[in-house]
Amino acid sequence: GRRDDEEFPAILVKDSSITFASSTLENYNGRGLKLVNSSSAIEEVNFLGSGINISTVGIEIEGGSPIVKNSEIKNNRNGIYMELFAEEDLPVIEGNNLEDNEKAIYTLSPNVILKSNRGENNQINGILLFSNVSQNLTWFKNELPYIIGEPPLTGGIVGVDLDRTLTIEPGVRI
């Protein structure tokens, strides 16, 4: 049965992949799109939540290697939220605009390619990162800064596993 605290996504893609392009998903309660172990391609989609007190997440990624490009994500508690990646997973989040969210991008794993993302009017206008880099990875320049830990808390760290390399591009703000 359904628990009262469960929030079902408007669209759920689990253990499969879709192409979702040139569309608008709006006025969802809870989650807009949830990708679970998916390598979906999301491009030029508007995710327009119902406000940060109603819409929890525009796009939630739980495992897999999806590509999210050139999309608008607005009016959510978390614009893009990511967690639970396997070692070989590597999502690509590129060229997206995040506005009027509580947190623009919130990832519990730093093993993500983040490139050319921008945003404004988010309460936390940045890319929140936690945990360890467990594969060779480059941090690319975004208009949004990388934020290690969650303000106003301090002392968060992102580690780099032994025998792995984290390359930080010139111009990256942390």
Protein backbone atom coordinates (compact mmCIF):
# COMPACT_ATOMS: atom_id res chain seq x y z
CA GLY A 1 0.00 0.00 0.00
CA ARG A 2 0.95 3.64 -0.34
CA ARG A 3 2.46 5.46 2.58
CA ASP A 4 1.39 9.06 3.04
CA ASP A 5 4.99 10.30 2.91
CA GLU A 6 5.78 8.69 -0.45
CA GLU A 7 6.06 11.05 -3.38
CA PHE A 8 5.51 9.41 -6.72
CA PRO A 9 7.13 11.04 -9.75
CA ALA A 10 5.10 12.34 -12.67
CA ILE A 11 7.37 10.20 -14.89
CA LEU A 12 9.36 7.19 -13.62
CA VAL A 13 11.96 5.47 -15.82
CA LYS A 14 13.36 2.43 -14.02
CA ASP A 15 15.89 -0.05 -15.44
CA SER A 16 15.26 1.27 -18.96
CA SER A 17 15.92 4.41 -20.97
CA ILE A 18 13.92 7.01 -22.84
CA THR A 19 14.56 10.01 -25.05
CA PHE A 20 12.66 13.01 -23.69
CA ALA A 21 13.17 16.15 -25.76
CA SER A 22 11.68 19.53 -26.66
CA SER A 23 8.87 19.18 -24.10
CA THR A 24 7.48 20.73 -20.93
CA LEU A 25 6.65 18.91 -17.69
CA GLU A 26 4.87 21.24 -15.27
CA ASN A 27 2.68 21.52 -12.17
CA TYR A 28 3.86 18.22 -10.70
CA ASN A 29 3.63 17.57 -6.99
CA GLY A 30 6.67 15.83 -5.54
CA ARG A 31 9.00 14.76 -8.34
CA GLY A 32 8.90 15.63 -12.03
CA LEU A 33 11.14 12.96 -13.61
CA LYS A 34 12.84 10.13 -11.72
CA LEU A 35 15.49 8.06 -13.49
CA VAL A 36 16.55 4.81 -11.78
CA ASN A 37 19.47 2.89 -13.31
CA SER A 38 18.76 4.63 -16.58
CA SER A 39 20.84 5.99 -19.44
CA SER A 40 18.05 8.22 -20.75
CA ALA A 41 18.68 11.26 -22.93
CA ILE A 42 16.89 14.40 -21.70
CA GLU A 43 17.32 17.49 -23.89
CA GLU A 44 15.58 20.85 -24.13
CA VAL A 45 12.89 19.96 -21.59
CA ASN A 46 11.28 22.50 -19.26
CA PHE A 47 10.73 21.13 -15.75
CA LEU A 48 8.43 23.68 -14.15
CA GLY A 49 7.55 22.68 -10.60
CA SER A 50 4.72 24.07 -8.54
CA GLY A 51 7.02 25.85 -6.06
CA ILE A 52 9.66 24.81 -3.54
CA ASN A 53 7.12 23.91 -0.85
CA ILE A 54 5.26 21.56 -3.22
CA SER A 55 7.65 20.17 -5.83
CA THR A 56 10.51 18.24 -4.23
CA VAL A 57 12.68 17.55 -7.30
CA GLY A 58 12.65 18.53 -10.96
CA ILE A 59 14.91 15.64 -12.04
CA GLU A 60 16.02 12.86 -9.69
CA ILE A 61 18.78 10.50 -10.82
CA GLU A 62 19.38 7.30 -8.86
CA GLY A 63 22.14 5.35 -10.59
CA GLY A 64 22.82 5.02 -14.30
CA SER A 65 24.47 7.34 -16.82
CA PRO A 66 21.77 9.62 -18.20
CA ILE A 67 22.45 12.79 -20.16
CA VAL A 68 20.54 15.93 -19.18
CA LYS A 69 21.27 18.81 -21.57
CA ASN A 70 20.02 22.28 -22.31
CA SER A 71 16.95 22.05 -20.07
CA GLU A 72 15.18 24.58 -17.82
CA ILE A 73 14.52 23.47 -14.23
CA LYS A 74 12.48 25.89 -12.12
CA ASN A 75 10.43 26.11 -8.92
CA ASN A 76 11.52 22.96 -7.06
CA ARG A 77 13.12 22.27 -3.69
CA ASN A 78 15.97 20.55 -5.59
CA GLY A 79 16.40 21.34 -9.28
CA ILE A 80 18.48 18.22 -9.98
CA TYR A 81 19.07 15.64 -7.22
CA MET A 82 21.45 12.70 -7.68
CA GLU A 83 22.38 9.68 -5.52
CA LEU A 84 23.46 6.03 -5.38
CA PHE A 85 25.82 5.62 -8.31
CA ALA A 86 27.64 2.40 -9.13
CA GLU A 87 31.35 2.78 -9.85
CA GLU A 88 30.85 2.73 -13.63
CA ASP A 89 27.95 5.24 -13.66
CA LEU A 90 28.72 8.71 -15.01
CA PRO A 91 25.76 11.03 -15.61
CA VAL A 92 26.28 14.10 -17.82
CA ILE A 93 24.58 17.33 -16.70
CA GLU A 94 25.34 20.00 -19.31
CA GLY A 95 24.09 23.41 -20.36
CA ASN A 96 21.08 23.48 -18.05
CA ASN A 97 19.50 26.57 -16.52
CA LEU A 98 18.26 26.29 -12.92
CA GLU A 99 16.12 29.08 -11.47
CA ASP A 100 13.93 29.70 -8.45
CA ASN A 101 14.79 26.40 -6.76
CA GLU A 102 15.86 26.01 -3.13
CA LYS A 103 18.99 24.07 -4.24
CA ALA A 104 20.08 24.23 -7.88
CA ILE A 105 22.00 20.92 -8.11
CA TYR A 106 22.38 18.55 -5.15
CA THR A 107 24.46 15.40 -5.60
CA LEU A 108 25.38 12.83 -2.96
CA SER A 109 28.10 11.56 -5.32
CA PRO A 110 30.64 13.77 -7.08
CA ASN A 111 31.02 11.18 -9.89
CA VAL A 112 29.11 13.33 -12.38
CA ILE A 113 30.15 15.36 -15.41
CA LEU A 114 28.86 18.90 -14.80
CA LYS A 115 29.53 21.35 -17.60
CA SER A 116 28.26 24.84 -18.47
CA ASN A 117 25.30 24.78 -16.06
CA ARG A 118 23.95 28.13 -14.93
CA GLY A 119 21.33 29.45 -12.59
CA GLU A 120 19.93 32.36 -10.66
CA ASN A 121 17.51 33.10 -7.87
CA ASN A 122 18.11 29.71 -6.25
CA GLN A 123 18.38 29.86 -2.45
CA ILE A 124 21.62 27.86 -2.75
CA ASN A 125 22.90 28.94 -6.14
CA GLY A 126 25.50 26.24 -6.73
CA ILE A 127 26.33 22.56 -7.12
CA LEU A 128 26.27 20.84 -3.72
CA LEU A 129 28.71 17.91 -3.61
CA PHE A 130 29.37 15.16 -1.07
CA SER A 131 31.34 11.88 -0.79
CA ASN A 132 34.36 10.57 -2.71
CA VAL A 133 35.50 10.76 -6.31
CA SER A 134 35.86 7.06 -7.20
CA GLN A 135 36.83 7.36 -10.88
CA ASN A 136 39.06 9.61 -12.96
CA LEU A 137 37.06 12.79 -13.32
CA THR A 138 37.24 16.39 -14.51
CA TRP A 139 35.40 19.26 -12.86
CA PHE A 140 34.42 21.55 -15.72
CA LYS A 141 33.58 25.21 -15.52
CA ASN A 142 29.96 26.07 -14.70
CA GLU A 143 28.44 29.46 -13.97
CA LEU A 144 27.33 27.81 -10.72
CA PRO A 145 30.13 27.25 -8.17
CA TYR A 146 30.88 23.83 -6.69
CA ILE A 147 29.89 23.84 -3.00
CA ILE A 148 31.39 21.14 -0.79
CA GLY A 149 29.00 20.38 2.06
CA GLU A 150 25.74 22.18 2.66
CA PRO A 151 25.53 25.77 3.90
CA PRO A 152 25.34 26.85 6.62
CA LEU A 153 27.07 23.63 7.74
CA THR A 154 30.83 23.57 7.35
CA GLY A 155 33.43 20.85 7.28
CA GLY A 156 32.09 18.86 4.36
CA ILE A 157 34.73 17.11 2.28
CA VAL A 158 35.04 15.53 -1.13
CA GLY A 159 37.81 12.95 -1.16
CA VAL A 160 39.60 11.37 -4.12
CA ASP A 161 40.05 7.60 -3.95
CA LEU A 162 43.56 6.13 -4.16
CA ASP A 163 44.83 5.75 -7.74
CA ARG A 164 42.16 8.14 -9.09
CA THR A 165 42.68 11.62 -10.55
CA LEU A 166 40.47 14.67 -10.16
CA THR A 167 41.31 17.34 -12.74
CA ILE A 168 39.93 20.81 -12.04
CA GLU A 169 39.63 23.04 -15.12
CA PRO A 170 40.89 26.62 -15.01
CA GLY A 171 38.13 29.01 -13.94
CA VAL A 172 36.23 26.51 -11.79
CA ARG A 173 34.88 28.12 -8.60
CA ILE A 174 34.73 26.00 -5.44
